[in-house]
């Protein structure tokens, strides 16, 4: 998994007025929790662009007050109209405690069902994964080569050595749907 370094400055004023002043300066208030104590800090909004608007999942190295903390993003709050980032929660991680994180799913291969006239659809774009920070994957590669027409891959069909998927076992991840053209061709063949 890739590491993203984010530099911030400690903030002492935590009220609504101070937060609004920070946002007016182009900064985003953040909090880091999960350690001995919560750390409130602010980062420049422009520094968050490469972290937020990408399909890549990062472990975030937060540098605040001369100290470094390894963390993962837990929650992001956006403004409902302008889509500006209002607030971010980071969770501090340690090497010996497992962490739950959403990881993107990437399909690989050319499905048999698509060759037969079906349409491949990725139903769940991200899966929740539980693993130690060293074993967290950057993405989950799913081979769909043997996926036939009308068939699907569920969470219970997937197994990995270093991490566990905590989504519902019956959740469909990818499926090949029968298209109208394929359905009509099957009707004509009868």
Protein backbone atom coordinates (compact mmCIF):
# COMPACT_ATOMS: atom_id res chain seq x y z
CA UNK A 1 0.00 0.00 0.00
CA UNK A 2 1.25 3.48 -0.87
CA UNK A 3 2.09 6.15 1.72
CA UNK A 4 0.97 9.78 1.38
CA UNK A 5 2.68 12.45 3.48
CA UNK A 6 0.45 15.25 4.78
CA UNK A 7 1.86 18.22 6.70
CA UNK A 8 -0.38 20.08 9.10
CA UNK A 9 -0.26 22.65 11.85
CA UNK A 10 -1.65 22.17 15.33
CA UNK A 11 -4.80 24.15 16.07
CA UNK A 12 -5.72 25.23 19.56
CA UNK A 13 -8.95 27.12 18.90
CA UNK A 14 -11.63 24.52 18.26
CA UNK A 15 -14.81 26.60 18.12
CA UNK A 16 -17.07 27.38 15.20
CA UNK A 17 -15.63 30.86 14.68
CA UNK A 18 -12.03 29.58 14.54
CA UNK A 19 -13.04 26.79 12.15
CA UNK A 20 -14.75 29.24 9.79
CA UNK A 21 -11.63 31.47 9.82
CA UNK A 22 -9.49 28.44 8.90
CA UNK A 23 -11.74 27.60 5.97
CA UNK A 24 -11.64 31.23 4.78
CA UNK A 25 -7.83 30.94 4.67
CA UNK A 26 -8.10 27.85 2.43
CA UNK A 27 -7.37 25.33 5.18
CA UNK A 28 -9.29 22.25 6.26
CA UNK A 29 -9.72 21.34 9.95
CA UNK A 30 -8.80 17.74 10.76
CA UNK A 31 -8.62 15.45 13.77
CA UNK A 32 -6.39 12.44 14.39
CA UNK A 33 -7.78 9.95 16.89
CA UNK A 34 -7.00 6.40 17.96
CA UNK A 35 -3.80 7.21 19.82
CA UNK A 36 -3.31 8.30 23.42
CA UNK A 37 -5.08 11.60 22.79
CA UNK A 38 -6.89 13.32 19.94
CA UNK A 39 -4.81 15.73 17.87
CA UNK A 40 -6.58 18.65 16.19
CA UNK A 41 -4.76 20.14 13.22
CA UNK A 42 -5.32 21.97 9.95
CA UNK A 43 -3.96 21.32 6.45
CA UNK A 44 -3.99 23.37 3.26
CA UNK A 45 -6.92 22.44 1.03
CA UNK A 46 -4.70 22.24 -2.05
CA UNK A 47 -2.51 19.60 -0.33
CA UNK A 48 -5.52 17.26 -0.15
CA UNK A 49 -6.24 17.14 -3.91
CA UNK A 50 -3.94 14.18 -4.69
CA UNK A 51 -5.14 12.31 -1.60
CA UNK A 52 -8.90 12.65 -2.08
CA UNK A 53 -9.53 12.69 -5.83
CA UNK A 54 -7.87 9.43 -6.80
CA UNK A 55 -8.93 5.76 -6.77
CA UNK A 56 -5.71 4.87 -4.91
CA UNK A 57 -6.00 4.06 -1.20
CA UNK A 58 -3.20 5.47 0.93
CA UNK A 59 -1.76 5.10 4.39
CA UNK A 60 -1.42 8.74 5.41
CA UNK A 61 1.69 9.87 7.25
CA UNK A 62 0.48 12.95 9.16
CA UNK A 63 3.26 15.31 10.23
CA UNK A 64 2.08 17.67 12.98
CA UNK A 65 4.22 19.60 15.44
CA UNK A 66 7.41 17.81 14.39
CA UNK A 67 5.93 14.33 15.04
CA UNK A 68 4.85 11.73 12.49
CA UNK A 69 1.75 9.57 12.83
CA UNK A 70 0.71 6.73 10.52
CA UNK A 71 -3.04 6.86 9.88
CA UNK A 72 -5.91 6.09 7.52
CA UNK A 73 -8.79 8.35 6.50
CA UNK A 74 -12.00 7.46 8.30
CA UNK A 75 -14.51 10.15 7.36
CA UNK A 76 -14.64 13.14 5.04
CA UNK A 77 -17.30 15.82 5.23
CA UNK A 78 -18.09 17.82 2.10
CA UNK A 79 -20.13 21.01 1.74
CA UNK A 80 -23.54 20.01 0.30
CA UNK A 81 -23.56 22.70 -2.41
CA UNK A 82 -19.97 23.56 -3.28
CA UNK A 83 -18.39 20.12 -2.59
CA UNK A 84 -15.51 21.76 -0.73
CA UNK A 85 -13.92 19.63 1.98
CA UNK A 86 -15.20 20.76 5.38
CA UNK A 87 -13.54 18.28 7.75
CA UNK A 88 -11.51 15.05 7.74
CA UNK A 89 -11.13 12.42 10.46
CA UNK A 90 -7.95 10.34 10.49
CA UNK A 91 -7.48 7.18 12.54
CA UNK A 92 -4.01 6.44 13.92
CA UNK A 93 -2.81 2.91 13.17
CA UNK A 94 -0.19 0.68 14.75
CA UNK A 95 1.66 -2.28 13.26
CA UNK A 96 0.15 -4.85 15.64
CA UNK A 97 -3.56 -3.88 15.48
CA UNK A 98 -5.76 -4.81 12.50
CA UNK A 99 -7.54 -1.98 10.71
CA UNK A 100 -10.72 -1.96 8.60
CA UNK A 101 -10.54 0.04 5.39
CA UNK A 102 -12.37 0.30 2.06
CA UNK A 103 -10.30 -0.90 -0.89
CA UNK A 104 -11.24 -0.58 -4.59
CA UNK A 105 -12.05 -3.67 -6.69
CA UNK A 106 -10.40 -4.05 -10.11
CA UNK A 107 -11.71 -6.56 -12.64
CA UNK A 108 -9.24 -8.55 -14.72
CA UNK A 109 -9.78 -10.80 -17.70
CA UNK A 110 -12.39 -11.16 -20.46
CA UNK A 111 -15.47 -12.93 -19.13
CA UNK A 112 -16.96 -15.90 -21.03
CA UNK A 113 -20.43 -14.40 -20.54
CA UNK A 114 -19.40 -11.20 -22.30
CA UNK A 115 -18.14 -13.25 -25.25
CA UNK A 116 -21.59 -14.87 -25.38
CA UNK A 117 -23.32 -11.48 -25.59
CA UNK A 118 -23.75 -10.54 -21.92
CA UNK A 119 -22.80 -7.36 -20.12
CA UNK A 120 -20.27 -7.36 -17.27
CA UNK A 121 -21.10 -5.09 -14.35
CA UNK A 122 -19.14 -4.28 -11.22
CA UNK A 123 -21.81 -4.04 -8.52
CA UNK A 124 -19.57 -3.17 -5.56
CA UNK A 125 -16.73 -0.80 -6.39
CA UNK A 126 -15.11 -0.96 -2.93
CA UNK A 127 -14.92 -3.71 -0.33
CA UNK A 128 -14.20 -3.37 3.39
CA UNK A 129 -10.99 -5.18 4.24
CA UNK A 130 -9.67 -6.09 7.71
CA UNK A 131 -5.90 -6.59 7.96
CA UNK A 132 -2.73 -5.52 9.68
CA UNK A 133 -1.38 -2.28 8.14
CA UNK A 134 1.53 -4.14 6.52
CA UNK A 135 -0.89 -6.52 4.74
CA UNK A 136 -3.42 -3.96 3.49
CA UNK A 137 -3.82 -4.26 -0.30
CA UNK A 138 -3.88 -1.21 -2.56
CA UNK A 139 -6.64 -2.84 -4.62
CA UNK A 140 -8.42 -6.19 -4.89
CA UNK A 141 -7.85 -7.86 -8.26
CA UNK A 142 -10.80 -10.05 -9.29
CA UNK A 143 -10.38 -12.47 -12.19
CA UNK A 144 -13.63 -12.71 -14.21
CA UNK A 145 -12.36 -14.91 -17.07
CA UNK A 146 -14.52 -17.93 -16.10
CA UNK A 147 -17.65 -15.89 -15.31
CA UNK A 148 -20.45 -17.19 -17.54
CA UNK A 149 -23.70 -15.64 -18.76
CA UNK A 150 -26.08 -14.91 -15.88
CA UNK A 151 -23.43 -15.81 -13.27
CA UNK A 152 -22.03 -13.67 -10.45
CA UNK A 153 -19.15 -13.53 -7.97
CA UNK A 154 -20.15 -13.01 -4.35
CA UNK A 155 -18.03 -12.06 -1.34
CA UNK A 156 -18.23 -15.65 -0.02
CA UNK A 157 -16.57 -16.87 -3.28
CA UNK A 158 -13.47 -14.76 -2.61
CA UNK A 159 -10.64 -15.87 -0.29
CA UNK A 160 -7.33 -14.20 0.50
CA UNK A 161 -4.37 -15.15 2.71
CA UNK A 162 -3.30 -11.87 4.34
CA UNK A 163 -6.62 -10.10 4.79
CA UNK A 164 -10.32 -10.72 5.34
CA UNK A 165 -13.30 -9.12 3.61
CA UNK A 166 -15.91 -7.99 6.15
CA UNK A 167 -18.78 -7.17 3.76
CA UNK A 168 -21.92 -9.33 3.81
CA UNK A 169 -21.11 -12.81 2.48
CA UNK A 170 -24.07 -12.84 0.05
CA UNK A 171 -23.20 -9.42 -1.48
CA UNK A 172 -22.66 -9.61 -5.24
CA UNK A 173 -19.36 -8.04 -6.34
CA UNK A 174 -19.49 -8.61 -10.12
CA UNK A 175 -21.96 -10.26 -12.49
CA UNK A 176 -22.61 -10.88 -16.17
CA UNK A 177 -26.14 -9.83 -17.07
CA UNK A 178 -28.12 -11.15 -20.01
CA UNK A 179 -28.73 -8.32 -22.49
CA UNK A 180 -31.94 -7.85 -24.47
CA UNK A 181 -30.17 -8.78 -27.70
CA UNK A 182 -28.82 -12.01 -26.17
CA UNK A 183 -32.26 -12.79 -24.71
CA UNK A 184 -33.92 -12.23 -28.11
CA UNK A 185 -31.33 -14.44 -29.84
CA UNK A 186 -31.99 -17.18 -27.29
CA UNK A 187 -35.75 -16.91 -27.91
CA UNK A 188 -35.29 -17.17 -31.68
CA UNK A 189 -33.08 -20.23 -31.28
CA UNK A 190 -35.94 -22.10 -29.55
